[in-house]
Protein backbone atom coordinates (compact mmCIF):
# COMPACT_ATOMS: atom_id res chain seq x y z
CA UNK A 1 -86.42 -33.07 76.17
CA UNK A 2 -83.79 -34.87 74.11
CA UNK A 3 -82.27 -38.39 74.69
CA UNK A 4 -78.64 -38.30 73.92
CA UNK A 5 -78.70 -41.99 72.02
CA UNK A 6 -74.78 -43.30 72.90
CA UNK A 7 -72.89 -44.49 70.15
CA UNK A 8 -70.46 -47.89 69.23
CA UNK A 9 -67.46 -45.46 67.91
CA UNK A 10 -66.36 -49.27 66.61
CA UNK A 11 -69.19 -49.80 65.08
CA UNK A 12 -69.08 -46.29 63.09
CA UNK A 13 -65.56 -47.04 61.93
CA UNK A 14 -66.72 -50.23 60.50
CA UNK A 15 -69.22 -48.85 58.84
CA UNK A 16 -66.98 -45.54 57.75
CA UNK A 17 -64.84 -49.07 56.21
CA UNK A 18 -67.95 -50.20 54.66
CA UNK A 19 -69.08 -47.09 53.12
CA UNK A 20 -65.33 -46.55 51.33
CA UNK A 21 -65.22 -50.25 50.30
CA UNK A 22 -68.79 -49.61 48.61
CA UNK A 23 -67.31 -46.27 46.91
CA UNK A 24 -64.31 -47.87 45.81
CA UNK A 25 -66.14 -51.02 44.37
CA UNK A 26 -68.15 -48.15 42.11
CA UNK A 27 -65.20 -46.99 40.74
CA UNK A 28 -63.61 -50.29 39.90
CA UNK A 29 -67.21 -50.61 37.50
CA UNK A 30 -66.55 -47.15 35.86
CA UNK A 31 -62.71 -48.60 35.23
CA UNK A 32 -64.00 -52.20 34.24
CA UNK A 33 -66.27 -50.50 32.23
CA UNK A 34 -63.62 -48.24 30.16
CA UNK A 35 -61.48 -51.72 29.71
CA UNK A 36 -64.48 -53.56 28.45
CA UNK A 37 -65.54 -50.66 25.84
CA UNK A 38 -61.95 -50.00 24.50
CA UNK A 39 -61.11 -54.12 24.36
CA UNK A 40 -58.51 -53.64 27.11
CA UNK A 41 -59.48 -56.84 28.84
CA UNK A 42 -59.16 -58.23 25.58
CA UNK A 43 -56.22 -57.79 24.44
CA UNK A 44 -54.82 -58.66 28.14
CA UNK A 45 -56.27 -61.84 27.38
CA UNK A 46 -54.12 -62.32 24.62
CA UNK A 47 -50.81 -61.65 26.79
CA UNK A 48 -49.67 -59.70 29.51
CA UNK A 49 -48.64 -56.25 28.74
CA UNK A 50 -46.85 -52.78 30.29
CA UNK A 51 -48.53 -50.11 29.73
CA UNK A 52 -46.56 -48.83 26.53
CA UNK A 53 -47.44 -52.30 24.90
CA UNK A 54 -51.10 -52.10 25.98
CA UNK A 55 -50.85 -48.66 24.19
CA UNK A 56 -49.54 -49.64 21.22
CA UNK A 57 -51.87 -52.75 20.71
CA UNK A 58 -55.40 -51.17 21.73
CA UNK A 59 -54.66 -47.48 19.85
CA UNK A 60 -54.97 -45.84 23.47
CA UNK A 61 -53.16 -42.82 25.18
CA UNK A 62 -49.93 -44.56 26.91
CA UNK A 63 -50.68 -42.39 30.28
CA UNK A 64 -54.12 -43.25 30.56
CA UNK A 65 -53.15 -46.88 30.21
CA UNK A 66 -50.87 -46.91 32.59
CA UNK A 67 -53.42 -45.38 35.17
CA UNK A 68 -55.77 -47.62 33.96
CA UNK A 69 -53.58 -50.64 34.35
CA UNK A 70 -52.67 -49.30 38.15
CA UNK A 71 -56.18 -49.10 39.25
CA UNK A 72 -57.26 -52.32 37.74
CA UNK A 73 -54.10 -54.00 39.86
CA UNK A 74 -54.76 -52.35 42.79
CA UNK A 75 -58.67 -53.44 42.57
CA UNK A 76 -57.69 -56.67 42.32
CA UNK A 77 -58.71 -57.59 38.37
CA UNK A 78 -54.96 -57.29 37.35
CA UNK A 79 -51.97 -59.40 38.39
CA UNK A 80 -48.70 -57.18 38.34
CA UNK A 81 -44.89 -58.35 38.25
CA UNK A 82 -43.16 -55.43 39.29
CA UNK A 83 -39.88 -56.74 37.53
CA UNK A 84 -41.02 -57.28 34.18
CA UNK A 85 -43.49 -53.94 34.69
CA UNK A 86 -46.33 -55.91 32.61
CA UNK A 87 -50.19 -56.49 33.91
CA UNK A 88 -51.51 -59.72 33.58
CA UNK A 89 -55.41 -60.83 33.29
CA UNK A 90 -55.76 -64.13 34.88
CA UNK A 91 -57.14 -67.04 33.51
CA UNK A 92 -59.77 -67.13 36.24
CA UNK A 93 -60.96 -63.51 35.11
CA UNK A 94 -61.09 -64.06 30.87
CA UNK A 95 -64.55 -65.70 31.11
CA UNK A 96 -65.58 -62.63 33.29
CA UNK A 97 -64.22 -59.98 31.54
CA UNK A 98 -63.37 -61.03 27.89
CA UNK A 99 -65.20 -63.94 26.37
CA UNK A 100 -67.93 -62.02 24.69
CA UNK A 101 -71.09 -64.11 25.28
CA UNK A 102 -69.67 -66.83 27.62
CA UNK A 103 -71.78 -68.11 30.45
CA UNK A 104 -69.86 -65.88 32.98
CA UNK A 105 -69.03 -62.55 31.21
CA UNK A 106 -70.28 -59.37 32.49
CA UNK A 107 -69.42 -56.86 30.38
CA UNK A 108 -72.93 -56.02 29.10
CA UNK A 109 -73.87 -55.80 32.88
CA UNK A 110 -70.82 -52.81 33.20
CA UNK A 111 -71.79 -51.04 30.14
CA UNK A 112 -75.40 -51.65 31.37
CA UNK A 113 -75.20 -49.84 34.91
CA UNK A 114 -73.18 -47.30 33.28
CA UNK A 115 -75.55 -45.95 31.17
CA UNK A 116 -78.54 -46.40 33.65
CA UNK A 117 -76.68 -43.78 35.62
CA UNK A 118 -76.78 -41.60 32.90
CA UNK A 119 -80.04 -39.57 33.01
CA UNK A 120 -79.02 -38.79 36.99
CA UNK A 121 -80.23 -34.88 37.41
CA UNK A 122 -83.84 -36.23 35.48
CA UNK A 123 -83.88 -38.98 38.25
CA UNK A 124 -83.09 -36.57 40.81
CA UNK A 125 -85.92 -34.46 39.51
CA UNK A 126 -88.23 -37.44 39.98
CA UNK A 127 -87.51 -38.32 43.02
CA UNK A 128 -88.25 -34.17 44.04
CA UNK A 129 -91.78 -34.02 41.72
CA UNK A 130 -92.84 -37.49 41.23
CA UNK A 131 -93.45 -38.94 37.64
CA UNK A 132 -90.03 -40.72 36.28
CA UNK A 133 -87.20 -40.69 33.47
CA UNK A 134 -88.69 -42.10 30.17
CA UNK A 135 -87.03 -44.46 27.98
CA UNK A 136 -85.79 -42.37 25.21
CA UNK A 137 -83.69 -40.53 28.16
CA UNK A 138 -81.25 -43.33 27.87
CA UNK A 139 -78.32 -44.04 25.40
CA UNK A 140 -78.17 -46.54 23.21
CA UNK A 141 -75.70 -48.24 25.58
CA UNK A 142 -78.45 -49.36 27.67
CA UNK A 143 -79.69 -51.39 25.16
CA UNK A 144 -76.80 -52.77 23.80
CA UNK A 145 -75.76 -53.65 27.47
CA UNK A 146 -78.64 -55.50 28.17
CA UNK A 147 -78.55 -57.24 24.75
CA UNK A 148 -74.85 -58.48 25.69
CA UNK A 149 -75.81 -59.13 29.67
CA UNK A 150 -79.22 -61.54 28.68
CA UNK A 151 -76.88 -63.27 25.55
CA UNK A 152 -74.91 -65.43 28.42
CA UNK A 153 -78.52 -66.73 29.68
CA UNK A 154 -79.84 -67.08 25.70
CA UNK A 155 -76.57 -68.78 24.36
CA UNK A 156 -76.14 -70.90 27.21
CA UNK A 157 -79.23 -71.45 29.27
CA UNK A 158 -82.42 -71.56 26.89
CA UNK A 159 -82.08 -74.30 24.41
CA UNK A 160 -79.85 -76.74 26.23
CA UNK A 161 -81.39 -76.18 29.69
CA UNK A 162 -85.10 -74.94 30.06
CA UNK A 163 -86.57 -76.12 26.77
CA UNK A 164 -85.95 -79.90 28.55
CA UNK A 165 -87.48 -78.53 31.40
CA UNK A 166 -90.24 -77.26 29.55
CA UNK A 167 -91.00 -80.96 27.21
CA UNK A 168 -94.10 -79.21 25.46
CA UNK A 169 -93.01 -75.95 24.84
CA UNK A 170 -89.78 -78.05 23.19
CA UNK A 171 -92.16 -80.43 21.31
CA UNK A 172 -94.02 -77.44 20.23
CA UNK A 173 -91.07 -75.73 18.52
CA UNK A 174 -89.76 -78.91 16.94
CA UNK A 175 -92.68 -79.45 15.26
CA UNK A 176 -93.62 -76.00 14.28
CA UNK A 177 -95.02 -73.58 16.56
CA UNK A 178 -96.32 -69.90 15.86
CA UNK A 179 -94.45 -68.09 18.75
CA UNK A 180 -94.19 -64.53 19.65
CA UNK A 181 -92.01 -62.84 22.08
CA UNK A 182 -92.99 -59.78 24.08
CA UNK A 183 -90.53 -57.30 24.84
CA UNK A 184 -88.20 -58.55 22.61
CA UNK A 185 -85.41 -56.14 22.65
CA UNK A 186 -83.01 -56.72 20.16
CA UNK A 187 -84.65 -60.21 19.41
CA UNK A 188 -81.67 -62.36 20.68
CA UNK A 189 -83.95 -65.02 22.43
CA UNK A 190 -86.13 -65.23 18.68
CA UNK A 191 -82.74 -65.50 16.77
CA UNK A 192 -81.55 -68.15 18.90
CA UNK A 193 -84.65 -70.29 18.84
CA UNK A 194 -84.59 -69.66 15.01
CA UNK A 195 -81.27 -71.23 14.64
CA UNK A 196 -82.43 -74.11 16.42
CA UNK A 197 -86.25 -74.96 15.81
CA UNK A 198 -86.03 -74.15 11.81
CA UNK A 199 -89.59 -75.41 11.46
CA UNK A 200 -91.25 -72.94 13.76
CA UNK A 201 -92.01 -69.05 12.98
CA UNK A 202 -91.28 -65.93 15.32
CA UNK A 203 -92.57 -62.74 15.76
CA UNK A 204 -90.77 -60.23 18.19
CA UNK A 205 -93.30 -57.18 19.85
CA UNK A 206 -91.29 -54.16 21.80
CA UNK A 207 -92.78 -50.73 22.36
CA UNK A 208 -89.30 -49.35 21.60
CA UNK A 209 -88.85 -48.35 18.04
CA UNK A 210 -85.22 -48.13 18.34
CA UNK A 211 -84.71 -52.04 19.64
CA UNK A 212 -86.60 -52.95 17.16
CA UNK A 213 -84.91 -51.28 14.45
CA UNK A 214 -81.89 -53.34 15.93
CA UNK A 215 -83.63 -56.54 16.14
CA UNK A 216 -84.24 -56.21 12.34
CA UNK A 217 -81.05 -55.69 11.46
CA UNK A 218 -79.26 -58.91 13.93
CA UNK A 219 -81.96 -61.19 12.29
CA UNK A 220 -80.52 -60.17 9.02
CA UNK A 221 -77.19 -60.28 10.09
CA UNK A 222 -77.84 -64.05 11.68
CA UNK A 223 -79.31 -65.47 8.29
CA UNK A 224 -82.63 -65.77 9.78
CA UNK A 225 -85.10 -63.09 8.65
CA UNK A 226 -87.38 -65.64 6.13
CA UNK A 227 -88.53 -66.94 9.81
CA UNK A 228 -88.35 -64.20 12.54
CA UNK A 229 -90.09 -60.58 11.91
CA UNK A 230 -90.17 -58.25 14.21
CA UNK A 231 -92.80 -55.50 14.95
CA UNK A 232 -93.28 -51.74 16.88
CA UNK A 233 -95.84 -52.65 19.49
CA UNK A 234 -97.61 -51.97 22.47
CA UNK A 235 -98.71 -55.62 23.33
CA UNK A 236 -101.14 -54.56 26.47
CA UNK A 237 -103.46 -53.19 24.01
CA UNK A 238 -103.67 -56.31 22.30
CA UNK A 239 -102.08 -59.17 19.92
CA UNK A 240 -103.06 -59.14 16.53
CA UNK A 241 -103.46 -62.87 16.48
CA UNK A 242 -102.95 -65.91 18.48
CA UNK A 243 -100.10 -67.53 19.19
CA UNK A 244 -99.03 -71.61 20.35
CA UNK A 245 -95.98 -70.24 22.16
CA UNK A 246 -95.72 -66.40 24.02
CA UNK A 247 -92.49 -65.68 26.02
CA UNK A 248 -91.16 -62.74 27.65
CA UNK A 249 -88.18 -62.41 29.36
CA UNK A 250 -87.57 -60.11 32.29
CA UNK A 251 -90.59 -58.00 31.10
CA UNK A 252 -93.46 -58.24 32.93
CA UNK A 253 -92.36 -56.24 36.24
CA UNK A 254 -91.25 -53.12 33.73
CA UNK A 255 -94.50 -52.94 32.20
CA UNK A 256 -96.77 -49.99 32.33
CA UNK A 257 -100.17 -51.95 33.37
CA UNK A 258 -98.32 -55.51 33.72
CA UNK A 259 -102.05 -57.38 35.05
CA UNK A 260 -103.28 -56.04 31.27
CA UNK A 261 -100.12 -57.25 29.76
CA UNK A 262 -100.51 -60.92 31.11
CA UNK A 263 -104.36 -60.57 30.00
CA UNK A 264 -103.41 -59.59 26.29
CA UNK A 265 -100.92 -62.45 26.44
CA UNK A 266 -103.45 -64.70 27.81
CA UNK A 267 -106.06 -64.11 24.86
CA UNK A 268 -103.13 -63.96 22.22
CA UNK A 269 -102.67 -67.95 23.00
CA UNK A 270 -104.00 -70.89 21.64
CA UNK A 271 -105.95 -73.63 23.49
CA UNK A 272 -103.19 -75.88 24.42
CA UNK A 273 -100.29 -73.28 24.03
CA UNK A 274 -97.68 -72.02 26.57
CA UNK A 275 -96.99 -68.78 27.75
CA UNK A 276 -92.91 -69.01 29.55
CA UNK A 277 -92.03 -66.39 31.26
CA UNK A 278 -88.88 -65.60 32.87
CA UNK A 279 -89.16 -63.33 35.74
CA UNK A 280 -86.72 -61.93 38.59
CA UNK A 281 -86.44 -64.13 41.76
CA UNK A 282 -87.18 -62.19 44.65
CA UNK A 283 -89.81 -61.97 47.79
CA UNK A 284 -92.65 -59.67 48.51
CA UNK A 285 -90.53 -58.93 52.01
CA UNK A 286 -88.12 -56.62 52.11
CA UNK A 287 -86.28 -58.47 55.36
CA UNK A 288 -85.99 -61.45 53.09
CA UNK A 289 -84.25 -59.55 50.18
CA UNK A 290 -81.67 -57.78 52.18
CA UNK A 291 -78.32 -58.53 50.79
CA UNK A 292 -76.15 -58.12 48.03
CA UNK A 293 -78.51 -59.29 45.69
CA UNK A 294 -81.33 -57.13 46.98
CA UNK A 295 -78.83 -53.58 47.24
CA UNK A 296 -78.31 -54.41 43.49
CA UNK A 297 -82.10 -55.19 42.26
CA UNK A 298 -83.69 -52.39 44.46
CA UNK A 299 -80.99 -50.22 42.89
CA UNK A 300 -81.34 -51.31 39.58
CA UNK A 301 -85.14 -50.54 40.06
CA UNK A 302 -84.57 -46.49 41.00
CA UNK A 303 -82.01 -45.88 37.96
CA UNK A 304 -84.20 -48.25 35.58
CA UNK A 305 -86.98 -50.54 36.05
CA UNK A 306 -89.38 -48.58 38.51
CA UNK A 307 -88.70 -45.20 36.88
CA UNK A 308 -89.47 -45.71 33.35
CA UNK A 309 -92.84 -47.21 34.41
CA UNK A 310 -93.81 -43.94 36.35
CA UNK A 311 -92.83 -42.19 33.27
CA UNK A 312 -95.59 -43.24 31.83
CA UNK A 313 -98.06 -43.44 35.07
CA UNK A 314 -97.51 -46.95 35.29
CA UNK A 315 -97.48 -49.10 38.26
CA UNK A 316 -94.33 -48.61 38.81
CA UNK A 317 -93.44 -52.43 40.28
CA UNK A 318 -90.05 -52.28 40.67
CA UNK A 319 -87.34 -54.95 39.77
CA UNK A 320 -88.23 -56.59 42.50
CA UNK A 321 -92.33 -55.98 42.27
CA UNK A 322 -93.40 -59.75 40.92
CA UNK A 323 -92.20 -62.16 43.48
CA UNK A 324 -93.57 -65.34 42.59
CA UNK A 325 -97.16 -64.89 44.89
CA UNK A 326 -98.19 -62.24 42.67
CA UNK A 327 -97.66 -63.76 39.44
CA UNK A 328 -99.36 -66.27 40.36
CA UNK A 329 -102.60 -64.49 41.50
CA UNK A 330 -102.34 -61.92 38.70
CA UNK A 331 -102.18 -65.19 35.94
CA UNK A 332 -104.94 -66.77 37.71
CA UNK A 333 -107.21 -62.87 37.42
CA UNK A 334 -105.82 -63.38 33.66
CA UNK A 335 -107.81 -66.21 33.34
CA UNK A 336 -104.67 -68.51 33.09
CA UNK A 337 -105.23 -72.15 35.01
CA UNK A 338 -101.72 -73.16 36.17
CA UNK A 339 -98.32 -71.65 36.66
CA UNK A 340 -95.44 -74.39 37.30
CA UNK A 341 -92.20 -72.97 38.40
CA UNK A 342 -89.97 -74.94 36.09
CA UNK A 343 -87.19 -76.62 38.46
CA UNK A 344 -83.82 -74.69 37.36
CA UNK A 345 -81.02 -72.99 39.60
CA UNK A 346 -81.09 -69.54 38.40
CA UNK A 347 -79.05 -66.42 40.03
CA UNK A 348 -81.42 -63.51 39.81
CA UNK A 349 -84.50 -65.35 38.11
CA UNK A 350 -87.16 -68.01 38.31
CA UNK A 351 -88.70 -69.39 35.14
CA UNK A 352 -92.59 -70.27 35.24
CA UNK A 353 -94.29 -72.26 32.68
CA UNK A 354 -97.90 -70.92 32.74
CA UNK A 355 -100.92 -73.17 31.04
CA UNK A 356 -104.30 -71.02 29.39
């Protein structure tokens, strides 16, 4: 016999409100991405505008400008003056939406999230049949969005905050070290290091050829190509030489075989060297991850981190699959001697200094 379960009508109605709020937020993210890609927020940061004025400044269609401005004002991103019919980007919103590369800028995150849902139908197929969505299925906006999103960390955290908290790493860079960045992406971390520590030499490795090509172009543009080079290589198969410092920035949890990658890094590290590892800060217990941050990170896992690993028959750890307990255990298994969590506060990550 089926037992009829009583339902609290108020809770149902409250949940309807939550789902509608989430859907509205999704629409706002799409609109914010349009504003970022077309430079609309940057135009509004310069001066308020009517729809006609913004359309003229940004070289877009006025009817679209009017609807976009109305949506962004309704969502609380912009302020609207009924008398002047002008829209204003509040000064407190400028660092988040219009200051490229700043510590609070989230335009790259919008670009990245939009790109991650691009191969949506392929993701549905993976749900039905297993496997995953390969990296090649994502467009260039994903890699550009990732680079723009991480730029804030590399520009405002890496040199002034992280390295002083790792004095031995900083000293090696100052005196001249051979440095490898594994999973280098578009090369922004190494470019920043090369600009600040010219005595050292740098090589970036990434298994995704388009990222390597972009990294090389970025290095030329930054004027540090004589100190930085990039190679397309799957480091889990081994490094070609040994290094004083090896870095990974949000890379290991994405790897096809994370433990094999850690072993290759250990073998590629000189005696007395240091491995600098940035990884997602999460718990191995779901109940400790539940909330807004957990929702964002588990969702990102489904649309990128988990599925790209599974597409290569990998471990499929996912975004939150490498908590500190597992990272420490695998580092010891890879024959590192010590893992130190660097005492700095980051919203999504932990930083580790690992000793051979």
